[in-house]
């Protein structure tokens, strides 16, 4: 017989590789029916209404923002005009002061008049301009 540890040692018998066996299966395909036209239109109009409502809401928010901006600008302008009115009122009071008027008149070379009042004497017949000629 054969030697176990020598040249004549037999190689162990190999088991043949087992390949997995495939079973043929049929895949069942379920074909779904498409949505009816009425339902498609309903979905489309629902989405359209949602988009329109969202657009209106965004538009109104934009208008509100613009109005708030205008209010802020007008408030600032009102404060500036109030300060200007206060300044001009004080300048007006300074200009109406009799002492200040006398000083300005003296500065421009005006002199006080005599205490005699100016009188106007009516003439007997004064020519009056008329359209008849």
Foldseek 3Di string as FASTA:
>chain_A
DADCPDPRHDDDDDDDDDDDDDDDDDDDDDDDDDDDPVVVVVVVVVVVVVVVVVVVVVVVVVVVVVVVVVVVVVVVVVVVVVVVVVVVVVVVVCVPDPVNVVVVCVVVPHDDDDPDDDDDDDDDDDDDDDPDD
